[in-house]
Amino acid sequence: MDKRKVIYYTDELNDEFSIAKITPKKIDENYVYCHDSLFKKFTHFFWYRIIATPLAFLYTKLKFAHKSVGAKKLKTFKKTGYFIYGNHSQDIGDALIPNMLGVSQDKYVIVHPNNVSMPFLGRITPSLGAIPLPDNMKAYKNFIAAVERRIKEGCAVVIYPEAHIWPYYTGIRPFTDVSFSYPVKLNAPVFCFTNTYHERKFFSRNKVKIITYVDGPFYADPELSPKEQRADLRNKVYACMSERAKTSTYVKIQYIKKDQKDD
């Protein structure tokens, strides 16, 4: 349990405040992103549908009294692949909450290699939909092929563009447009979800309630160059998430920039 009340930061783009300490393994050209054997397909179904989805429901409801707003619009795209971007403010929750948005559609999450490097869970997370970022160009080709395949299969690919976890942070940190090259390349629709924080007053030792807002779809403007399309999509998503984040009403952890702490 994270008991921190105040966190001081210096760099909104690169500071990491997850309490997990994991040594990541190298994701090279030998890493297999997609498996076609019947056994691997069964393990995905077992871990994702039989184990993870019910646990995700129980965890998000019991710990956060989770509620989503706007997730119904994803039903229109349940046979179409899409990208969905979210704010990175939970460790376990960020792996589970996307599964509560459009439950019938499999979600694959682009993750740091840490997520597939844990002693036991690291063997399971790929079956749960983890797509680790590659460490070299040969692995990058396999990574892109895996992302493209999941979109063509009609799945959702989840991206946390802030990259680093800031637990219970109620704002939206600046993020680059690099990850928006995927929907531009694949001409896929884009959604975003924003986890907002509120005080939970009854029936729980945990005071935090999470309301998740789903917005979109956003599309790349065909009249722009690919680079401009990427920036345009990023700006639309960032602006939308920033407005949703303003609805948070409860601060569990206060974030203070180090050069402001003595003001």
C-alpha atoms as a PDB file:
ATOM      1  CA  MET A   1       0.000   0.000   0.000  1.00  0.00           C
ATOM      2  CA  ASP A   2       1.293   3.446  -0.946  1.00  0.00           C
ATOM      3  CA  LYS A   3       1.337   5.566   2.236  1.00  0.00           C
ATOM      4  CA  ARG A   4       3.065   8.601   0.754  1.00  0.00           C
ATOM      5  CA  LYS A   5       1.268  11.917   1.275  1.00  0.00           C
ATOM      6  CA  VAL A   6       3.624  14.234  -0.617  1.00  0.00           C
ATOM      7  CA  ILE A   7       5.918  13.528  -3.571  1.00  0.00           C
ATOM      8  CA  TYR A   8       8.483  16.018  -4.857  1.00  0.00           C
ATOM      9  CA  TYR A   9       9.310  15.876  -8.555  1.00  0.00           C
ATOM     10  CA  THR A  10      11.676  17.588 -10.967  1.00  0.00           C
ATOM     11  CA  ASP A  11      10.785  16.267 -14.425  1.00  0.00           C
ATOM     12  CA  GLU A  12       7.191  15.645 -15.501  1.00  0.00           C
ATOM     13  CA  LEU A  13       8.313  13.663 -18.552  1.00  0.00           C
ATOM     14  CA  ASN A  14      10.813  11.300 -16.953  1.00  0.00           C
ATOM     15  CA  ASP A  15      10.300  11.008 -13.169  1.00  0.00           C
ATOM     16  CA  GLU A  16       9.042   7.579 -12.070  1.00  0.00           C
ATOM     17  CA  PHE A  17       7.279   7.053  -8.728  1.00  0.00           C
ATOM     18  CA  SER A  18       6.184   3.437  -8.827  1.00  0.00           C
ATOM     19  CA  ILE A  19       7.148   1.641  -5.611  1.00  0.00           C
ATOM     20  CA  ALA A  20       7.907  -1.580  -7.544  1.00  0.00           C
ATOM     21  CA  LYS A  21      11.613  -2.352  -8.056  1.00  0.00           C
ATOM     22  CA  ILE A  22      12.147  -4.743 -10.974  1.00  0.00           C
ATOM     23  CA  THR A  23      15.165  -5.471 -13.154  1.00  0.00           C
ATOM     24  CA  PRO A  24      13.816  -5.642 -16.721  1.00  0.00           C
ATOM     25  CA  LYS A  25      14.888  -8.349 -19.095  1.00  0.00           C
ATOM     26  CA  LYS A  26      16.025  -7.430 -22.589  1.00  0.00           C
ATOM     27  CA  ILE A  27      13.333  -7.560 -25.261  1.00  0.00           C
ATOM     28  CA  ASP A  28      15.323  -8.475 -28.352  1.00  0.00           C
ATOM     29  CA  GLU A  29      14.581 -10.136 -31.680  1.00  0.00           C
ATOM     30  CA  ASN A  30      14.175 -13.497 -29.941  1.00  0.00           C
ATOM     31  CA  TYR A  31      11.171 -12.348 -27.940  1.00  0.00           C
ATOM     32  CA  VAL A  32       7.960 -13.886 -29.320  1.00  0.00           C
ATOM     33  CA  TYR A  33       5.063 -11.431 -29.261  1.00  0.00           C
ATOM     34  CA  CYS A  34       2.357 -13.582 -30.831  1.00  0.00           C
ATOM     35  CA  HIS A  35       1.775 -17.288 -30.365  1.00  0.00           C
ATOM     36  CA  ASP A  36      -0.405 -19.410 -32.619  1.00  0.00           C
ATOM     37  CA  SER A  37      -0.381 -22.754 -30.830  1.00  0.00           C
ATOM     38  CA  LEU A  38      -3.652 -24.049 -29.399  1.00  0.00           C
ATOM     39  CA  PHE A  39      -2.025 -24.236 -25.974  1.00  0.00           C
ATOM     40  CA  LYS A  40      -1.052 -20.544 -25.998  1.00  0.00           C
ATOM     41  CA  LYS A  41      -4.506 -19.561 -27.238  1.00  0.00           C
ATOM     42  CA  PHE A  42      -6.002 -21.558 -24.369  1.00  0.00           C
ATOM     43  CA  THR A  43      -3.711 -19.940 -21.790  1.00  0.00           C
ATOM     44  CA  HIS A  44      -4.711 -16.497 -23.079  1.00  0.00           C
ATOM     45  CA  PHE A  45      -8.387 -17.379 -22.782  1.00  0.00           C
ATOM     46  CA  PHE A  46      -7.889 -18.931 -19.337  1.00  0.00           C
ATOM     47  CA  TRP A  47      -5.838 -16.152 -17.767  1.00  0.00           C
ATOM     48  CA  TYR A  48      -7.638 -13.283 -19.505  1.00  0.00           C
ATOM     49  CA  ARG A  49     -11.287 -14.389 -19.404  1.00  0.00           C
ATOM     50  CA  ILE A  50     -11.519 -16.942 -16.577  1.00  0.00           C
ATOM     51  CA  ILE A  51      -9.087 -15.394 -14.089  1.00  0.00           C
ATOM     52  CA  ALA A  52      -8.229 -11.766 -14.856  1.00  0.00           C
ATOM     53  CA  THR A  53     -11.583 -10.342 -15.952  1.00  0.00           C
ATOM     54  CA  PRO A  54     -13.545 -11.423 -12.825  1.00  0.00           C
ATOM     55  CA  LEU A  55     -10.626 -10.362 -10.592  1.00  0.00           C
ATOM     56  CA  ALA A  56     -10.441  -6.998 -12.357  1.00  0.00           C
ATOM     57  CA  PHE A  57     -14.137  -6.448 -11.704  1.00  0.00           C
ATOM     58  CA  LEU A  58     -13.816  -7.332  -8.011  1.00  0.00           C
ATOM     59  CA  TYR A  59     -10.626  -5.311  -7.516  1.00  0.00           C
ATOM     60  CA  THR A  60     -11.868  -2.133  -9.199  1.00  0.00           C
ATOM     61  CA  LYS A  61     -15.286  -2.274  -7.533  1.00  0.00           C
ATOM     62  CA  LEU A  62     -14.143  -3.166  -4.011  1.00  0.00           C
ATOM     63  CA  LYS A  63     -11.032  -0.987  -3.867  1.00  0.00           C
ATOM     64  CA  PHE A  64     -12.183   2.010  -5.894  1.00  0.00           C
ATOM     65  CA  ALA A  65     -15.963   1.698  -6.313  1.00  0.00           C
ATOM     66  CA  HIS A  66     -15.054   2.107  -9.964  1.00  0.00           C
ATOM     67  CA  LYS A  67     -17.499   3.682 -12.382  1.00  0.00           C
ATOM     68  CA  SER A  68     -17.079   4.431 -16.075  1.00  0.00           C
ATOM     69  CA  VAL A  69     -18.757   7.168 -18.097  1.00  0.00           C
ATOM     70  CA  GLY A  70     -18.933   6.955 -21.884  1.00  0.00           C
ATOM     71  CA  ALA A  71     -17.647   3.385 -22.253  1.00  0.00           C
ATOM     72  CA  LYS A  72     -20.801   2.403 -24.164  1.00  0.00           C
ATOM     73  CA  LYS A  73     -19.486   4.179 -27.265  1.00  0.00           C
ATOM     74  CA  LEU A  74     -16.804   1.461 -27.518  1.00  0.00           C
ATOM     75  CA  LYS A  75     -19.513  -1.098 -28.343  1.00  0.00           C
ATOM     76  CA  THR A  76     -19.795   0.389 -31.830  1.00  0.00           C
ATOM     77  CA  PHE A  77     -16.163  -0.606 -32.377  1.00  0.00           C
ATOM     78  CA  LYS A  78     -16.237  -4.063 -30.785  1.00  0.00           C
ATOM     79  CA  LYS A  79     -15.384  -5.676 -34.126  1.00  0.00           C
ATOM     80  CA  THR A  80     -12.945  -2.981 -35.103  1.00  0.00           C
ATOM     81  CA  GLY A  81      -9.481  -2.497 -33.687  1.00  0.00           C
ATOM     82  CA  TYR A  82      -8.679   0.822 -32.028  1.00  0.00           C
ATOM     83  CA  PHE A  83      -6.112   2.498 -29.817  1.00  0.00           C
ATOM     84  CA  ILE A  84      -7.083   3.838 -26.419  1.00  0.00           C
ATOM     85  CA  TYR A  85      -4.845   6.181 -24.403  1.00  0.00           C
ATOM     86  CA  GLY A  86      -5.053   6.686 -20.635  1.00  0.00           C
ATOM     87  CA  ASN A  87      -3.404   8.538 -17.749  1.00  0.00           C
ATOM     88  CA  HIS A  88      -0.822   6.473 -15.847  1.00  0.00           C
ATOM     89  CA  SER A  89      -1.686   6.883 -12.161  1.00  0.00           C
ATOM     90  CA  GLN A  90      -2.084   3.355 -10.771  1.00  0.00           C
ATOM     91  CA  ASP A  91       0.176   0.313 -10.601  1.00  0.00           C
ATOM     92  CA  ILE A  92      -2.282  -2.594 -10.460  1.00  0.00           C
ATOM     93  CA  GLY A  93      -5.306  -0.514 -11.429  1.00  0.00           C
ATOM     94  CA  ASP A  94      -3.866   0.586 -14.771  1.00  0.00           C
ATOM     95  CA  ALA A  95      -3.542  -3.059 -15.779  1.00  0.00           C
ATOM     96  CA  LEU A  96      -7.143  -3.820 -14.836  1.00  0.00           C
ATOM     97  CA  ILE A  97      -9.320  -0.769 -15.460  1.00  0.00           C
ATOM     98  CA  PRO A  98      -9.094  -0.969 -19.289  1.00  0.00           C
ATOM     99  CA  ASN A  99     -10.678  -4.427 -19.042  1.00  0.00           C
ATOM    100  CA  MET A 100     -13.740  -2.788 -17.501  1.00  0.00           C
ATOM    101  CA  LEU A 101     -14.194  -0.597 -20.590  1.00  0.00           C
ATOM    102  CA  GLY A 102     -15.846  -2.564 -23.354  1.00  0.00           C
ATOM    103  CA  VAL A 103     -15.585  -5.878 -21.524  1.00  0.00           C
ATOM    104  CA  SER A 104     -16.364  -8.077 -24.550  1.00  0.00           C
ATOM    105  CA  GLN A 105     -13.265  -6.887 -26.442  1.00  0.00           C
ATOM    106  CA  ASP A 106      -9.759  -8.125 -25.645  1.00  0.00           C
ATOM    107  CA  LYS A 107      -7.312  -5.413 -24.565  1.00  0.00           C
ATOM    108  CA  TYR A 108      -3.593  -5.569 -25.269  1.00  0.00           C
ATOM    109  CA  VAL A 109      -1.444  -3.120 -23.301  1.00  0.00           C
ATOM    110  CA  ILE A 110       1.866  -1.687 -24.479  1.00  0.00           C
ATOM    111  CA  VAL A 111       4.076  -1.959 -21.394  1.00  0.00           C
ATOM    112  CA  HIS A 112       7.583  -1.420 -20.076  1.00  0.00           C
ATOM    113  CA  PRO A 113       9.669  -4.650 -20.077  1.00  0.00           C
ATOM    114  CA  ASN A 114       9.356  -4.623 -16.270  1.00  0.00           C
ATOM    115  CA  ASN A 115       5.873  -6.036 -16.708  1.00  0.00           C
ATOM    116  CA  VAL A 116       7.127  -9.247 -18.297  1.00  0.00           C
ATOM    117  CA  SER A 117      10.214  -9.535 -16.069  1.00  0.00           C
ATOM    118  CA  MET A 118       8.662 -10.356 -12.683  1.00  0.00           C
ATOM    119  CA  PRO A 119       9.673 -13.783 -11.284  1.00  0.00           C
ATOM    120  CA  PHE A 120       6.204 -15.385 -11.522  1.00  0.00           C
ATOM    121  CA  LEU A 121       3.739 -12.866 -12.908  1.00  0.00           C
ATOM    122  CA  GLY A 122       6.121 -12.059 -15.756  1.00  0.00           C
ATOM    123  CA  ARG A 123       5.258 -15.417 -17.290  1.00  0.00           C
ATOM    124  CA  ILE A 124       1.544 -14.704 -17.089  1.00  0.00           C
ATOM    125  CA  THR A 125       1.328 -11.054 -18.171  1.00  0.00           C
ATOM    126  CA  PRO A 126       1.893 -11.849 -21.889  1.00  0.00           C
ATOM    127  CA  SER A 127      -1.168 -14.131 -21.713  1.00  0.00           C
ATOM    128  CA  LEU A 128      -3.023 -11.218 -20.135  1.00  0.00           C
ATOM    129  CA  GLY A 129      -2.216  -9.002 -23.112  1.00  0.00           C
ATOM    130  CA  ALA A 130       1.099  -7.333 -22.263  1.00  0.00           C
ATOM    131  CA  ILE A 131       3.057  -6.117 -25.304  1.00  0.00           C
ATOM    132  CA  PRO A 132       6.513  -5.054 -24.013  1.00  0.00           C
ATOM    133  CA  LEU A 133       8.436  -2.276 -25.709  1.00  0.00           C
ATOM    134  CA  PRO A 134      11.424  -3.534 -27.721  1.00  0.00           C
ATOM    135  CA  ASP A 135      15.095  -2.894 -26.981  1.00  0.00           C
ATOM    136  CA  ASN A 136      16.480  -2.932 -30.520  1.00  0.00           C
ATOM    137  CA  MET A 137      15.428  -2.373 -34.116  1.00  0.00           C
ATOM    138  CA  LYS A 138      15.074  -6.077 -34.953  1.00  0.00           C
ATOM    139  CA  ALA A 139      12.718  -6.491 -32.006  1.00  0.00           C
ATOM    140  CA  TYR A 140      10.909  -3.301 -33.044  1.00  0.00           C
ATOM    141  CA  LYS A 141       9.840  -4.937 -36.308  1.00  0.00           C
ATOM    142  CA  ASN A 142       8.274  -7.791 -34.351  1.00  0.00           C
ATOM    143  CA  PHE A 143       6.672  -5.328 -31.941  1.00  0.00           C
ATOM    144  CA  ILE A 144       5.041  -3.317 -34.725  1.00  0.00           C
ATOM    145  CA  ALA A 145       3.862  -6.507 -36.420  1.00  0.00           C
ATOM    146  CA  ALA A 146       2.233  -7.618 -33.139  1.00  0.00           C
ATOM    147  CA  VAL A 147       0.455  -4.274 -32.670  1.00  0.00           C
ATOM    148  CA  GLU A 148      -0.781  -4.344 -36.269  1.00  0.00           C
ATOM    149  CA  ARG A 149      -2.006  -7.913 -35.876  1.00  0.00           C
ATOM    150  CA  ARG A 150      -4.012  -7.120 -32.734  1.00  0.00           C
ATOM    151  CA  ILE A 151      -5.673  -4.159 -34.436  1.00  0.00           C
ATOM    152  CA  LYS A 152      -6.565  -6.274 -37.486  1.00  0.00           C
ATOM    153  CA  GLU A 153      -8.011  -8.917 -35.143  1.00  0.00           C
ATOM    154  CA  GLY A 154     -10.424  -6.285 -33.814  1.00  0.00           C
ATOM    155  CA  CYS A 155      -8.765  -5.890 -30.426  1.00  0.00           C
ATOM    156  CA  ALA A 156      -8.037  -2.702 -28.503  1.00  0.00           C
ATOM    157  CA  VAL A 157      -4.447  -1.616 -27.908  1.00  0.00           C
ATOM    158  CA  VAL A 158      -4.011   0.344 -24.674  1.00  0.00           C
ATOM    159  CA  ILE A 159      -1.268   2.959 -24.370  1.00  0.00           C
ATOM    160  CA  TYR A 160      -0.176   5.072 -21.411  1.00  0.00           C
ATOM    161  CA  PRO A 161       1.578   7.963 -23.195  1.00  0.00           C
ATOM    162  CA  GLU A 162       2.831   9.503 -19.929  1.00  0.00           C
ATOM    163  CA  ALA A 163       5.039   6.363 -19.712  1.00  0.00           C
ATOM    164  CA  HIS A 164       5.813   6.683 -15.989  1.00  0.00           C
ATOM    165  CA  ILE A 165       3.534   5.936 -13.038  1.00  0.00           C
ATOM    166  CA  TRP A 166       2.617   8.824 -10.752  1.00  0.00           C
ATOM    167  CA  PRO A 167       0.304   7.206  -8.175  1.00  0.00           C
ATOM    168  CA  TYR A 168      -3.005   9.032  -7.666  1.00  0.00           C
ATOM    169  CA  TYR A 169      -1.870  12.042  -9.676  1.00  0.00           C
ATOM    170  CA  THR A 170      -4.927  14.106 -10.587  1.00  0.00           C
ATOM    171  CA  GLY A 171      -3.536  16.071 -13.518  1.00  0.00           C
ATOM    172  CA  ILE A 172      -2.360  15.092 -16.980  1.00  0.00           C
ATOM    173  CA  ARG A 173       1.390  15.289 -17.488  1.00  0.00           C
ATOM    174  CA  PRO A 174       2.852  16.455 -20.791  1.00  0.00           C
ATOM    175  CA  PHE A 175       3.576  13.575 -23.147  1.00  0.00           C
ATOM    176  CA  THR A 176       5.157  13.267 -26.564  1.00  0.00           C
ATOM    177  CA  ASP A 177       3.387  12.316 -29.794  1.00  0.00           C
ATOM    178  CA  VAL A 178       5.631   9.284 -30.480  1.00  0.00           C
ATOM    179  CA  SER A 179       3.008   6.651 -29.615  1.00  0.00           C
ATOM    180  CA  PHE A 180       0.477   8.299 -31.928  1.00  0.00           C
ATOM    181  CA  SER A 181       2.470   7.073 -34.909  1.00  0.00           C
ATOM    182  CA  TYR A 182       0.724   3.691 -34.486  1.00  0.00           C
ATOM    183  CA  PRO A 183      -2.856   4.833 -35.254  1.00  0.00           C
ATOM    184  CA  VAL A 184      -1.522   7.088 -38.026  1.00  0.00           C
ATOM    185  CA  LYS A 185       0.341   4.186 -39.637  1.00  0.00           C
ATOM    186  CA  LEU A 186      -2.622   1.794 -39.296  1.00  0.00           C
ATOM    187  CA  ASN A 187      -5.366   4.366 -39.980  1.00  0.00           C
ATOM    188  CA  ALA A 188      -7.124   3.262 -36.791  1.00  0.00           C
ATOM    189  CA  PRO A 189      -9.549   5.187 -34.559  1.00  0.00           C
ATOM    190  CA  VAL A 190      -8.332   6.620 -31.274  1.00  0.00           C
ATOM    191  CA  PHE A 191     -10.095   6.872 -27.925  1.00  0.00           C
ATOM    192  CA  CYS A 192      -8.885   8.120 -24.577  1.00  0.00           C
ATOM    193  CA  PHE A 193      -9.839   7.362 -21.002  1.00  0.00           C
ATOM    194  CA  THR A 194      -9.178   9.544 -17.980  1.00  0.00           C
ATOM    195  CA  ASN A 195      -9.197   8.169 -14.456  1.00  0.00           C
ATOM    196  CA  THR A 196     -10.408  10.866 -12.074  1.00  0.00           C
ATOM    197  CA  TYR A 197     -10.236  10.766  -8.288  1.00  0.00           C
ATOM    198  CA  HIS A 198     -13.004  11.412  -5.791  1.00  0.00           C
ATOM    199  CA  GLU A 199     -13.614  10.822  -2.098  1.00  0.00           C
ATOM    200  CA  ARG A 200     -15.353   7.605  -1.179  1.00  0.00           C
ATOM    201  CA  LYS A 201     -17.308   8.153   2.017  1.00  0.00           C
ATOM    202  CA  PHE A 202     -18.965   4.844   2.797  1.00  0.00           C
ATOM    203  CA  PHE A 203     -18.187   1.133   3.294  1.00  0.00           C
ATOM    204  CA  SER A 204     -14.457   1.189   2.650  1.00  0.00           C
ATOM    205  CA  ARG A 205     -11.144   1.807   4.388  1.00  0.00           C
ATOM    206  CA  ASN A 206      -9.903   3.199   1.097  1.00  0.00           C
ATOM    207  CA  LYS A 207     -11.145   6.767   0.657  1.00  0.00           C
ATOM    208  CA  VAL A 208     -10.572   6.880  -3.099  1.00  0.00           C
ATOM    209  CA  LYS A 209     -13.246   6.424  -5.733  1.00  0.00           C
ATOM    210  CA  ILE A 210     -12.248   6.325  -9.407  1.00  0.00           C
ATOM    211  CA  ILE A 211     -14.506   7.548 -12.193  1.00  0.00           C
ATOM    212  CA  THR A 212     -13.201   6.808 -15.679  1.00  0.00           C
ATOM    213  CA  TYR A 213     -14.299   8.985 -18.595  1.00  0.00           C
ATOM    214  CA  VAL A 214     -14.059   7.561 -22.117  1.00  0.00           C
ATOM    215  CA  ASP A 215     -13.882   9.990 -25.052  1.00  0.00           C
ATOM    216  CA  GLY A 216     -13.534   9.688 -28.799  1.00  0.00           C
ATOM    217  CA  PRO A 217     -13.246   8.527 -31.443  1.00  0.00           C
ATOM    218  CA  PHE A 218     -10.528  10.761 -32.827  1.00  0.00           C
ATOM    219  CA  TYR A 219      -9.143  10.293 -36.316  1.00  0.00           C
ATOM    220  CA  ALA A 220      -5.997  11.427 -38.093  1.00  0.00           C
ATOM    221  CA  ASP A 221      -6.602  14.296 -40.504  1.00  0.00           C
ATOM    222  CA  PRO A 222      -5.839  12.921 -44.012  1.00  0.00           C
ATOM    223  CA  GLU A 223      -4.962  16.414 -45.272  1.00  0.00           C
ATOM    224  CA  LEU A 224      -1.971  16.587 -42.927  1.00  0.00           C
ATOM    225  CA  SER A 225       1.423  14.934 -43.288  1.00  0.00           C
ATOM    226  CA  PRO A 226       2.041  11.833 -41.115  1.00  0.00           C
ATOM    227  CA  LYS A 227       4.142  13.890 -38.692  1.00  0.00           C
ATOM    228  CA  GLU A 228       1.420  16.531 -38.463  1.00  0.00           C
ATOM    229  CA  GLN A 229      -1.272  13.872 -38.045  1.00  0.00           C
ATOM    230  CA  ARG A 230       0.655  12.418 -35.110  1.00  0.00           C
ATOM    231  CA  ALA A 231       0.928  15.808 -33.421  1.00  0.00           C
ATOM    232  CA  ASP A 232      -2.713  16.627 -34.132  1.00  0.00           C
ATOM    233  CA  LEU A 233      -3.970  13.380 -32.579  1.00  0.00           C
ATOM    234  CA  ARG A 234      -1.737  13.899 -29.548  1.00  0.00           C
ATOM    235  CA  ASN A 235      -3.041  17.428 -29.038  1.00  0.00           C
ATOM    236  CA  LYS A 236      -6.683  16.342 -29.304  1.00  0.00           C
ATOM    237  CA  VAL A 237      -6.212  13.548 -26.778  1.00  0.00           C
ATOM    238  CA  TYR A 238      -4.154  15.692 -24.405  1.00  0.00           C
ATOM    239  CA  ALA A 239      -6.708  18.514 -24.446  1.00  0.00           C
ATOM    240  CA  CYS A 240      -9.598  16.119 -23.848  1.00  0.00           C
ATOM    241  CA  MET A 241      -7.879  14.296 -20.990  1.00  0.00           C
ATOM    242  CA  SER A 242      -6.806  17.572 -19.391  1.00  0.00           C
ATOM    243  CA  GLU A 243     -10.411  18.795 -19.298  1.00  0.00           C
ATOM    244  CA  ARG A 244     -11.649  15.509 -17.821  1.00  0.00           C
ATOM    245  CA  ALA A 245      -8.898  15.548 -15.184  1.00  0.00           C
ATOM    246  CA  LYS A 246     -10.258  18.846 -13.871  1.00  0.00           C
ATOM    247  CA  THR A 247     -13.291  16.957 -12.529  1.00  0.00           C
ATOM    248  CA  SER A 248     -11.149  15.199  -9.879  1.00  0.00           C
ATOM    249  CA  THR A 249     -12.192  16.344  -6.412  1.00  0.00           C
ATOM    250  CA  TYR A 250      -9.915  14.386  -4.085  1.00  0.00           C
ATOM    251  CA  VAL A 251      -6.124  14.507  -3.658  1.00  0.00           C
ATOM    252  CA  LYS A 252      -4.570  11.476  -1.987  1.00  0.00           C
ATOM    253  CA  ILE A 253      -0.948  12.344  -2.796  1.00  0.00           C
ATOM    254  CA  GLN A 254       0.199  15.923  -3.278  1.00  0.00           C
ATOM    255  CA  TYR A 255       2.813  16.477  -5.993  1.00  0.00           C
ATOM    256  CA  ILE A 256       5.144  19.463  -5.576  1.00  0.00           C
ATOM    257  CA  LYS A 257       7.875  20.525  -7.954  1.00  0.00           C
ATOM    258  CA  LYS A 258      11.159  20.678  -6.068  1.00  0.00           C
ATOM    259  CA  ASP A 259      11.969  24.273  -6.969  1.00  0.00           C
ATOM    260  CA  GLN A 260       8.516  25.256  -5.582  1.00  0.00           C
ATOM    261  CA  LYS A 261       8.646  23.473  -2.209  1.00  0.00           C
ATOM    262  CA  ASP A 262      10.104  26.451  -0.376  1.00  0.00           C
ATOM    263  CA  ASP A 263       7.731  29.033  -1.919  1.00  0.00           C
END
